[in-house]
Amino acid sequence: MDTVPIHEAKSTLSQLVKRAAGGEIILIGENGKPEAVLTSVIKLKPRKRIGLLAGKLSVPDDFDAPLPDDVLQGFMGGK
């Protein structure tokens, strides 16, 4: 992440604000040393990653089969 010089930041502030509003963190300083951070005040929602677990999970064929009697008894409090 590069540091934007203060003079450049003053002349391009509106562009830097748009970048920050888009989620980018802008460092501002002198001589390559960051002295301030420009960031958005609005929290962006994280992008949903569709298909993240594709191929990593499997559903057994008997997934919806009735439960065994001993397991059902456990849900009924042993009755």
PDB file of N, CA and C in Angstrom:
ATOM      1  N   MET A   1       0.858  -1.170   0.000  1.00  0.00           N
ATOM      2  CA  MET A   1       0.000   0.000   0.000  1.00  0.00           C
ATOM      3  C   MET A   1       0.905   1.234   0.000  1.00  0.00           C
ATOM      4  N   ASP A   2       0.757   2.057  -1.018  1.00  0.00           N
ATOM      5  CA  ASP A   2       1.578   3.257  -1.144  1.00  0.00           C
ATOM      6  C   ASP A   2       1.009   4.398  -0.316  1.00  0.00           C
ATOM      7  N   THR A   3       1.879   5.299   0.068  1.00  0.00           N
ATOM      8  CA  THR A   3       1.481   6.492   0.800  1.00  0.00           C
ATOM      9  C   THR A   3       1.354   7.650  -0.180  1.00  0.00           C
ATOM     10  N   VAL A   4       0.201   8.319  -0.160  1.00  0.00           N
ATOM     11  CA  VAL A   4      -0.037   9.469  -1.025  1.00  0.00           C
ATOM     12  C   VAL A   4       0.559  10.699  -0.344  1.00  0.00           C
ATOM     13  N   PRO A   5       1.409  11.465  -1.069  1.00  0.00           N
ATOM     14  CA  PRO A   5       1.965  12.683  -0.474  1.00  0.00           C
ATOM     15  C   PRO A   5       0.860  13.689  -0.132  1.00  0.00           C
ATOM     16  N   ILE A   6       1.059  14.463   0.913  1.00  0.00           N
ATOM     17  CA  ILE A   6       0.043  15.398   1.394  1.00  0.00           C
ATOM     18  C   ILE A   6      -0.365  16.387   0.305  1.00  0.00           C
ATOM     19  N   HIS A   7       0.592  16.941  -0.430  1.00  0.00           N
ATOM     20  CA  HIS A   7       0.265  17.906  -1.482  1.00  0.00           C
ATOM     21  C   HIS A   7      -0.621  17.263  -2.547  1.00  0.00           C
ATOM     22  N   GLU A   8      -0.286  16.039  -2.941  1.00  0.00           N
ATOM     23  CA  GLU A   8      -1.095  15.317  -3.927  1.00  0.00           C
ATOM     24  C   GLU A   8      -2.482  15.016  -3.369  1.00  0.00           C
ATOM     25  N   ALA A   9      -2.550  14.668  -2.087  1.00  0.00           N
ATOM     26  CA  ALA A   9      -3.837  14.361  -1.462  1.00  0.00           C
ATOM     27  C   ALA A   9      -4.745  15.582  -1.458  1.00  0.00           C
ATOM     28  N   LYS A  10      -4.161  16.781  -1.240  1.00  0.00           N
ATOM     29  CA  LYS A  10      -4.954  18.003  -1.245  1.00  0.00           C
ATOM     30  C   LYS A  10      -5.538  18.272  -2.632  1.00  0.00           C
ATOM     31  N   SER A  11      -4.756  18.025  -3.661  1.00  0.00           N
ATOM     32  CA  SER A  11      -5.227  18.330  -5.015  1.00  0.00           C
ATOM     33  C   SER A  11      -6.123  17.241  -5.602  1.00  0.00           C
ATOM     34  N   THR A  12      -6.117  16.045  -5.027  1.00  0.00           N
ATOM     35  CA  THR A  12      -6.945  14.943  -5.546  1.00  0.00           C
ATOM     36  C   THR A  12      -7.886  14.394  -4.477  1.00  0.00           C
ATOM     37  N   LEU A  13      -8.251  15.234  -3.524  1.00  0.00           N
ATOM     38  CA  LEU A  13      -9.049  14.761  -2.387  1.00  0.00           C
ATOM     39  C   LEU A  13     -10.349  14.090  -2.816  1.00  0.00           C
ATOM     40  N   SER A  14     -11.074  14.672  -3.760  1.00  0.00           N
ATOM     41  CA  SER A  14     -12.363  14.096  -4.153  1.00  0.00           C
ATOM     42  C   SER A  14     -12.175  12.694  -4.733  1.00  0.00           C
ATOM     43  N   GLN A  15     -11.111  12.483  -5.509  1.00  0.00           N
ATOM     44  CA  GLN A  15     -10.843  11.156  -6.055  1.00  0.00           C
ATOM     45  C   GLN A  15     -10.474  10.175  -4.952  1.00  0.00           C
ATOM     46  N   LEU A  16      -9.679  10.641  -4.003  1.00  0.00           N
ATOM     47  CA  LEU A  16      -9.284   9.773  -2.886  1.00  0.00           C
ATOM     48  C   LEU A  16     -10.481   9.394  -2.026  1.00  0.00           C
ATOM     49  N   VAL A  17     -11.397  10.341  -1.831  1.00  0.00           N
ATOM     50  CA  VAL A  17     -12.599  10.052  -1.045  1.00  0.00           C
ATOM     51  C   VAL A  17     -13.443   8.998  -1.746  1.00  0.00           C
ATOM     52  N   LYS A  18     -13.574   9.073  -3.062  1.00  0.00           N
ATOM     53  CA  LYS A  18     -14.337   8.064  -3.812  1.00  0.00           C
ATOM     54  C   LYS A  18     -13.691   6.686  -3.671  1.00  0.00           C
ATOM     55  N   ARG A  19     -12.370   6.660  -3.751  1.00  0.00           N
ATOM     56  CA  ARG A  19     -11.673   5.380  -3.578  1.00  0.00           C
ATOM     57  C   ARG A  19     -11.901   4.822  -2.177  1.00  0.00           C
ATOM     58  N   ALA A  20     -11.834   5.683  -1.174  1.00  0.00           N
ATOM     59  CA  ALA A  20     -12.056   5.244   0.208  1.00  0.00           C
ATOM     60  C   ALA A  20     -13.486   4.764   0.390  1.00  0.00           C
ATOM     61  N   ALA A  21     -14.439   5.463  -0.232  1.00  0.00           N
ATOM     62  CA  ALA A  21     -15.841   5.052  -0.127  1.00  0.00           C
ATOM     63  C   ALA A  21     -16.063   3.683  -0.759  1.00  0.00           C
ATOM     64  N   GLY A  22     -15.214   3.327  -1.710  1.00  0.00           N
ATOM     65  CA  GLY A  22     -15.294   2.016  -2.346  1.00  0.00           C
ATOM     66  C   GLY A  22     -14.619   0.917  -1.559  1.00  0.00           C
ATOM     67  N   GLY A  23     -14.082   1.239  -0.396  1.00  0.00           N
ATOM     68  CA  GLY A  23     -13.501   0.220   0.466  1.00  0.00           C
ATOM     69  C   GLY A  23     -11.983   0.248   0.561  1.00  0.00           C
ATOM     70  N   GLU A  24     -11.355   1.102  -0.218  1.00  0.00           N
ATOM     71  CA  GLU A  24      -9.893   1.179  -0.188  1.00  0.00           C
ATOM     72  C   GLU A  24      -9.426   2.004   1.017  1.00  0.00           C
ATOM     73  N   ILE A  25      -8.311   1.652   1.575  1.00  0.00           N
ATOM     74  CA  ILE A  25      -7.716   2.410   2.672  1.00  0.00           C
ATOM     75  C   ILE A  25      -6.579   3.232   2.069  1.00  0.00           C
ATOM     76  N   ILE A  26      -6.635   4.550   2.240  1.00  0.00           N
ATOM     77  CA  ILE A  26      -5.665   5.459   1.660  1.00  0.00           C
ATOM     78  C   ILE A  26      -4.751   5.982   2.767  1.00  0.00           C
ATOM     79  N   LEU A  27      -3.443   5.814   2.596  1.00  0.00           N
ATOM     80  CA  LEU A  27      -2.465   6.348   3.543  1.00  0.00           C
ATOM     81  C   LEU A  27      -1.970   7.683   3.005  1.00  0.00           C
ATOM     82  N   ILE A  28      -1.899   8.689   3.866  1.00  0.00           N
ATOM     83  CA  ILE A  28      -1.443  10.015   3.483  1.00  0.00           C
ATOM     84  C   ILE A  28      -0.276  10.386   4.384  1.00  0.00           C
ATOM     85  N   GLY A  29       0.783  10.927   3.774  1.00  0.00           N
ATOM     86  CA  GLY A  29       1.938  11.304   4.579  1.00  0.00           C
ATOM     87  C   GLY A  29       2.988  12.015   3.750  1.00  0.00           C
ATOM     88  N   GLU A  30       4.176  12.112   4.316  1.00  0.00           N
ATOM     89  CA  GLU A  30       5.294  12.754   3.639  1.00  0.00           C
ATOM     90  C   GLU A  30       6.499  11.838   3.653  1.00  0.00           C
ATOM     91  N   ASN A  31       7.301  11.937   2.600  1.00  0.00           N
ATOM     92  CA  ASN A  31       8.528  11.153   2.474  1.00  0.00           C
ATOM     93  C   ASN A  31       8.280   9.649   2.601  1.00  0.00           C
ATOM     94  N   GLY A  32       7.132   9.202   2.107  1.00  0.00           N
ATOM     95  CA  GLY A  32       6.807   7.775   2.147  1.00  0.00           C
ATOM     96  C   GLY A  32       6.377   7.255   3.499  1.00  0.00           C
ATOM     97  N   LYS A  33       6.298   8.128   4.504  1.00  0.00           N
ATOM     98  CA  LYS A  33       5.878   7.708   5.844  1.00  0.00           C
ATOM     99  C   LYS A  33       4.416   8.089   6.051  1.00  0.00           C
ATOM    100  N   PRO A  34       3.558   7.108   6.306  1.00  0.00           N
ATOM    101  CA  PRO A  34       2.142   7.429   6.522  1.00  0.00           C
ATOM    102  C   PRO A  34       1.933   8.199   7.823  1.00  0.00           C
ATOM    103  N   GLU A  35       1.110   9.234   7.730  1.00  0.00           N
ATOM    104  CA  GLU A  35       0.791  10.050   8.905  1.00  0.00           C
ATOM    105  C   GLU A  35      -0.709  10.064   9.190  1.00  0.00           C
ATOM    106  N   ALA A  36      -1.499   9.697   8.190  1.00  0.00           N
ATOM    107  CA  ALA A  36      -2.953   9.701   8.354  1.00  0.00           C
ATOM    108  C   ALA A  36      -3.551   8.607   7.470  1.00  0.00           C
ATOM    109  N   VAL A  37      -4.754   8.209   7.832  1.00  0.00           N
ATOM    110  CA  VAL A  37      -5.468   7.188   7.077  1.00  0.00           C
ATOM    111  C   VAL A  37      -6.799   7.761   6.636  1.00  0.00           C
ATOM    112  N   LEU A  38      -7.118   7.573   5.354  1.00  0.00           N
ATOM    113  CA  LEU A  38      -8.423   7.963   4.829  1.00  0.00           C
ATOM    114  C   LEU A  38      -9.170   6.678   4.526  1.00  0.00           C
ATOM    115  N   THR A  39     -10.307   6.517   5.173  1.00  0.00           N
ATOM    116  CA  THR A  39     -11.099   5.305   5.010  1.00  0.00           C
ATOM    117  C   THR A  39     -12.574   5.660   5.052  1.00  0.00           C
ATOM    118  N   SER A  40     -13.406   4.774   4.597  1.00  0.00           N
ATOM    119  CA  SER A  40     -14.846   5.010   4.566  1.00  0.00           C
ATOM    120  C   SER A  40     -15.454   4.887   5.959  1.00  0.00           C
ATOM    121  N   VAL A  41     -16.446   5.713   6.243  1.00  0.00           N
ATOM    122  CA  VAL A  41     -17.163   5.595   7.511  1.00  0.00           C
ATOM    123  C   VAL A  41     -18.291   4.581   7.392  1.00  0.00           C
ATOM    124  N   ILE A  42     -18.608   4.198   6.178  1.00  0.00           N
ATOM    125  CA  ILE A  42     -19.679   3.228   5.931  1.00  0.00           C
ATOM    126  C   ILE A  42     -19.050   1.842   5.841  1.00  0.00           C
ATOM    127  N   LYS A  43     -19.560   0.937   6.653  1.00  0.00           N
ATOM    128  CA  LYS A  43     -19.068  -0.436   6.615  1.00  0.00           C
ATOM    129  C   LYS A  43     -19.659  -1.122   5.387  1.00  0.00           C
ATOM    130  N   LEU A  44     -18.792  -1.615   4.525  1.00  0.00           N
ATOM    131  CA  LEU A  44     -19.251  -2.343   3.354  1.00  0.00           C
ATOM    132  C   LEU A  44     -19.544  -3.784   3.746  1.00  0.00           C
ATOM    133  N   LYS A  45     -20.617  -4.312   3.179  1.00  0.00           N
ATOM    134  CA  LYS A  45     -20.937  -5.707   3.437  1.00  0.00           C
ATOM    135  C   LYS A  45     -19.927  -6.585   2.713  1.00  0.00           C
ATOM    136  N   PRO A  46     -19.453  -7.626   3.383  1.00  0.00           N
ATOM    137  CA  PRO A  46     -18.520  -8.509   2.691  1.00  0.00           C
ATOM    138  C   PRO A  46     -19.213  -9.198   1.519  1.00  0.00           C
ATOM    139  N   ARG A  47     -18.476  -9.398   0.472  1.00  0.00           N
ATOM    140  CA  ARG A  47     -19.038 -10.067  -0.693  1.00  0.00           C
ATOM    141  C   ARG A  47     -19.331 -11.513  -0.349  1.00  0.00           C
ATOM    142  N   LYS A  48     -20.483 -11.989  -0.819  1.00  0.00           N
ATOM    143  CA  LYS A  48     -20.825 -13.393  -0.621  1.00  0.00           C
ATOM    144  C   LYS A  48     -20.069 -14.212  -1.653  1.00  0.00           C
ATOM    145  N   ARG A  49     -19.453 -15.238  -1.183  1.00  0.00           N
ATOM    146  CA  ARG A  49     -18.689 -16.092  -2.081  1.00  0.00           C
ATOM    147  C   ARG A  49     -19.505 -17.336  -2.372  1.00  0.00           C
ATOM    148  N   ILE A  50     -20.249 -17.273  -3.450  1.00  0.00           N
ATOM    149  CA  ILE A  50     -21.120 -18.377  -3.845  1.00  0.00           C
ATOM    150  C   ILE A  50     -20.250 -19.545  -4.327  1.00  0.00           C
ATOM    151  N   GLY A  51     -20.607 -20.723  -3.870  1.00  0.00           N
ATOM    152  CA  GLY A  51     -19.897 -21.919  -4.302  1.00  0.00           C
ATOM    153  C   GLY A  51     -18.602 -22.172  -3.567  1.00  0.00           C
ATOM    154  N   LEU A  52     -18.404 -21.508  -2.441  1.00  0.00           N
ATOM    155  CA  LEU A  52     -17.165 -21.631  -1.692  1.00  0.00           C
ATOM    156  C   LEU A  52     -16.872 -23.088  -1.291  1.00  0.00           C
ATOM    157  N   LEU A  53     -17.912 -23.841  -0.956  1.00  0.00           N
ATOM    158  CA  LEU A  53     -17.722 -25.230  -0.517  1.00  0.00           C
ATOM    159  C   LEU A  53     -18.142 -26.247  -1.582  1.00  0.00           C
ATOM    160  N   ALA A  54     -18.280 -25.796  -2.819  1.00  0.00           N
ATOM    161  CA  ALA A  54     -18.698 -26.703  -3.889  1.00  0.00           C
ATOM    162  C   ALA A  54     -17.734 -27.880  -3.991  1.00  0.00           C
ATOM    163  N   GLY A  55     -18.305 -29.088  -3.990  1.00  0.00           N
ATOM    164  CA  GLY A  55     -17.500 -30.291  -4.111  1.00  0.00           C
ATOM    165  C   GLY A  55     -16.843 -30.753  -2.825  1.00  0.00           C
ATOM    166  N   LYS A  56     -17.009 -30.000  -1.749  1.00  0.00           N
ATOM    167  CA  LYS A  56     -16.368 -30.360  -0.483  1.00  0.00           C
ATOM    168  C   LYS A  56     -17.336 -31.015   0.494  1.00  0.00           C
ATOM    169  N   LEU A  57     -18.618 -30.908   0.230  1.00  0.00           N
ATOM    170  CA  LEU A  57     -19.632 -31.490   1.108  1.00  0.00           C
ATOM    171  C   LEU A  57     -20.428 -32.530   0.333  1.00  0.00           C
ATOM    172  N   SER A  58     -20.933 -33.500   1.061  1.00  0.00           N
ATOM    173  CA  SER A  58     -21.805 -34.484   0.420  1.00  0.00           C
ATOM    174  C   SER A  58     -22.952 -34.818   1.369  1.00  0.00           C
ATOM    175  N   VAL A  59     -24.096 -35.089   0.789  1.00  0.00           N
ATOM    176  CA  VAL A  59     -25.281 -35.463   1.555  1.00  0.00           C
ATOM    177  C   VAL A  59     -25.491 -36.957   1.349  1.00  0.00           C
ATOM    178  N   PRO A  60     -25.519 -37.729   2.436  1.00  0.00           N
ATOM    179  CA  PRO A  60     -25.703 -39.175   2.273  1.00  0.00           C
ATOM    180  C   PRO A  60     -27.076 -39.490   1.676  1.00  0.00           C
ATOM    181  N   ASP A  61     -27.162 -40.624   0.995  1.00  0.00           N
ATOM    182  CA  ASP A  61     -28.417 -41.026   0.352  1.00  0.00           C
ATOM    183  C   ASP A  61     -29.547 -41.225   1.360  1.00  0.00           C
ATOM    184  N   ASP A  62     -29.214 -41.645   2.592  1.00  0.00           N
ATOM    185  CA  ASP A  62     -30.245 -41.890   3.604  1.00  0.00           C
ATOM    186  C   ASP A  62     -30.459 -40.679   4.523  1.00  0.00           C
ATOM    187  N   PHE A  63     -30.146 -39.481   4.038  1.00  0.00           N
ATOM    188  CA  PHE A  63     -30.238 -38.269   4.846  1.00  0.00           C
ATOM    189  C   PHE A  63     -31.628 -38.082   5.451  1.00  0.00           C
ATOM    190  N   ASP A  64     -32.668 -38.333   4.681  1.00  0.00           N
ATOM    191  CA  ASP A  64     -34.028 -38.100   5.164  1.00  0.00           C
ATOM    192  C   ASP A  64     -34.727 -39.378   5.633  1.00  0.00           C
ATOM    193  N   ALA A  65     -33.948 -40.424   5.877  1.00  0.00           N
ATOM    194  CA  ALA A  65     -34.528 -41.671   6.384  1.00  0.00           C
ATOM    195  C   ALA A  65     -34.947 -41.482   7.840  1.00  0.00           C
ATOM    196  N   PRO A  66     -35.943 -42.235   8.282  1.00  0.00           N
ATOM    197  CA  PRO A  66     -36.368 -42.129   9.682  1.00  0.00           C
ATOM    198  C   PRO A  66     -35.209 -42.462  10.633  1.00  0.00           C
ATOM    199  N   LEU A  67     -35.200 -41.792  11.776  1.00  0.00           N
ATOM    200  CA  LEU A  67     -34.163 -42.040  12.772  1.00  0.00           C
ATOM    201  C   LEU A  67     -34.391 -43.366  13.478  1.00  0.00           C
ATOM    202  N   PRO A  68     -33.324 -43.998  13.943  1.00  0.00           N
ATOM    203  CA  PRO A  68     -33.487 -45.242  14.713  1.00  0.00           C
ATOM    204  C   PRO A  68     -34.259 -44.964  16.012  1.00  0.00           C
ATOM    205  N   ASP A  69     -34.920 -46.009  16.530  1.00  0.00           N
ATOM    206  CA  ASP A  69     -35.752 -45.862  17.730  1.00  0.00           C
ATOM    207  C   ASP A  69     -34.969 -45.326  18.925  1.00  0.00           C
ATOM    208  N   ASP A  70     -33.712 -45.785  19.122  1.00  0.00           N
ATOM    209  CA  ASP A  70     -32.947 -45.331  20.279  1.00  0.00           C
ATOM    210  C   ASP A  70     -32.650 -43.836  20.181  1.00  0.00           C
ATOM    211  N   VAL A  71     -32.435 -43.305  19.000  1.00  0.00           N
ATOM    212  CA  VAL A  71     -32.183 -41.868  18.838  1.00  0.00           C
ATOM    213  C   VAL A  71     -33.470 -41.104  19.084  1.00  0.00           C
ATOM    214  N   LEU A  72     -34.575 -41.586  18.570  1.00  0.00           N
ATOM    215  CA  LEU A  72     -35.867 -40.931  18.808  1.00  0.00           C
ATOM    216  C   LEU A  72     -36.198 -40.897  20.291  1.00  0.00           C
ATOM    217  N   GLN A  73     -35.888 -41.971  21.024  1.00  0.00           N
ATOM    218  CA  GLN A  73     -36.134 -42.016  22.466  1.00  0.00           C
ATOM    219  C   GLN A  73     -35.314 -40.937  23.177  1.00  0.00           C
ATOM    220  N   GLY A  74     -34.115 -40.669  22.700  1.00  0.00           N
ATOM    221  CA  GLY A  74     -33.280 -39.622  23.300  1.00  0.00           C
ATOM    222  C   GLY A  74     -33.913 -38.244  23.170  1.00  0.00           C
ATOM    223  N   PHE A  75     -34.599 -37.999  22.063  1.00  0.00           N
ATOM    224  CA  PHE A  75     -35.289 -36.723  21.883  1.00  0.00           C
ATOM    225  C   PHE A  75     -36.543 -36.635  22.758  1.00  0.00           C
ATOM    226  N   MET A  76     -37.129 -37.778  23.092  1.00  0.00           N
ATOM    227  CA  MET A  76     -38.355 -37.801  23.893  1.00  0.00           C
ATOM    228  C   MET A  76     -38.062 -37.843  25.384  1.00  0.00           C
ATOM    229  N   GLY A  77     -36.811 -37.745  25.758  1.00  0.00           N
ATOM    230  CA  GLY A  77     -36.456 -37.759  27.165  1.00  0.00           C
ATOM    231  C   GLY A  77     -36.437 -39.156  27.746  1.00  0.00           C
ATOM    232  N   GLY A  78     -36.213 -40.157  26.911  1.00  0.00           N
ATOM    233  CA  GLY A  78     -36.105 -41.536  27.380  1.00  0.00           C
ATOM    234  C   GLY A  78     -37.434 -42.223  27.600  1.00  0.00           C
ATOM    235  N   LYS A  79     -38.537 -41.658  27.115  1.00  0.00           N
ATOM    236  CA  LYS A  79     -39.864 -42.270  27.317  1.00  0.00           C
ATOM    237  C   LYS A  79     -40.088 -43.442  26.401  1.00  0.00           C
TER     238      LYS A  79
END
